[in-house]
Amino acid sequence: MARARRRARMAVIDEDIWPQPAVGKKLPPDRSKRIGFSDFVLSGREPFLKVVQKIYDEINAEYGTNEKVPTN
């Protein structure tokens, strides 16, 4: 292909892909309609001691340590 016949495609900017700016000011959320957390979530983490104990035992045996599973 001759150098004179080479053409580069130009990208066309599609203005429709960008949202229009907001007309009004953003309002803060109504905190009275907020859904709170359940008692289970507020109580903290749920330790699965049977699972975690096996992992701690394997690591302690491999590295010669005596780390205890945190319970709180």
Protein backbone atom coordinates (compact mmCIF):
# COMPACT_ATOMS: atom_id res chain seq x y z
CA MET A 1 0.00 0.00 0.00
CA ALA A 2 1.40 3.31 -0.96
CA ARG A 3 2.17 5.80 1.72
CA ALA A 4 -0.17 8.33 0.16
CA ARG A 5 -3.15 5.97 0.51
CA ARG A 6 -2.70 5.27 4.23
CA ARG A 7 -5.38 6.79 6.38
CA ALA A 8 -5.80 6.90 10.09
CA ARG A 9 -9.21 6.67 11.64
CA MET A 10 -10.08 9.47 13.97
CA ALA A 11 -12.04 8.69 17.10
CA VAL A 12 -15.35 10.48 17.32
CA ILE A 13 -16.36 11.66 20.76
CA ASP A 14 -19.90 10.62 21.54
CA GLU A 15 -21.31 13.29 23.80
CA ASP A 16 -24.29 11.12 24.77
CA ILE A 17 -22.19 8.76 26.88
CA TRP A 18 -21.53 11.34 29.58
CA PRO A 19 -24.41 12.20 31.92
CA GLN A 20 -25.62 15.74 32.08
CA PRO A 21 -24.57 17.72 35.16
CA ALA A 22 -27.07 17.83 37.99
CA VAL A 23 -29.53 20.70 37.87
CA GLY A 24 -30.11 20.89 41.61
CA LYS A 25 -27.90 20.55 44.63
CA LYS A 26 -27.41 17.07 46.12
CA LEU A 27 -29.42 16.42 49.25
CA PRO A 28 -27.98 14.55 52.23
CA PRO A 29 -29.60 11.19 53.05
CA ASP A 30 -32.47 11.09 55.55
CA ARG A 31 -30.93 9.38 58.56
CA SER A 32 -34.34 8.66 60.12
CA LYS A 33 -34.99 6.11 57.33
CA ARG A 34 -31.67 4.35 57.86
CA ILE A 35 -31.77 0.61 58.51
CA GLY A 36 -29.57 -0.34 61.45
CA PHE A 37 -27.34 -3.35 61.86
CA SER A 38 -28.67 -6.59 63.28
CA ASP A 39 -27.76 -7.71 66.80
CA PHE A 40 -25.65 -10.48 65.27
CA VAL A 41 -23.52 -8.01 63.33
CA LEU A 42 -23.22 -5.66 66.29
CA SER A 43 -22.10 -8.51 68.56
CA GLY A 44 -18.80 -8.81 66.71
CA ARG A 45 -17.07 -11.67 64.97
CA GLU A 46 -18.14 -15.30 65.16
CA PRO A 47 -15.10 -17.50 65.84
CA PHE A 48 -15.23 -20.97 64.31
CA LEU A 49 -12.95 -22.59 66.85
CA LYS A 50 -13.01 -26.10 65.36
CA VAL A 51 -11.78 -24.81 62.02
CA VAL A 52 -9.35 -22.22 63.33
CA GLN A 53 -7.87 -24.56 65.96
CA LYS A 54 -6.77 -27.02 63.27
CA ILE A 55 -5.03 -24.23 61.36
CA TYR A 56 -3.27 -23.00 64.51
CA ASP A 57 -2.20 -26.55 65.38
CA GLU A 58 -0.67 -27.07 61.93
CA ILE A 59 1.19 -23.76 62.02
CA ASN A 60 2.40 -24.29 65.59
CA ALA A 61 3.69 -27.75 64.67
CA GLU A 62 5.44 -26.47 61.54
CA TYR A 63 7.13 -23.47 63.18
CA GLY A 64 7.55 -24.79 66.72
CA THR A 65 5.40 -22.07 68.25
CA ASN A 66 2.60 -22.23 70.82
CA GLU A 67 0.19 -19.54 69.67
CA LYS A 68 -3.33 -19.70 71.08
CA VAL A 69 -6.51 -19.08 69.11
CA PRO A 70 -7.86 -15.63 69.99
CA THR A 71 -11.34 -16.01 71.46
CA ASN A 72 -12.41 -12.40 71.64
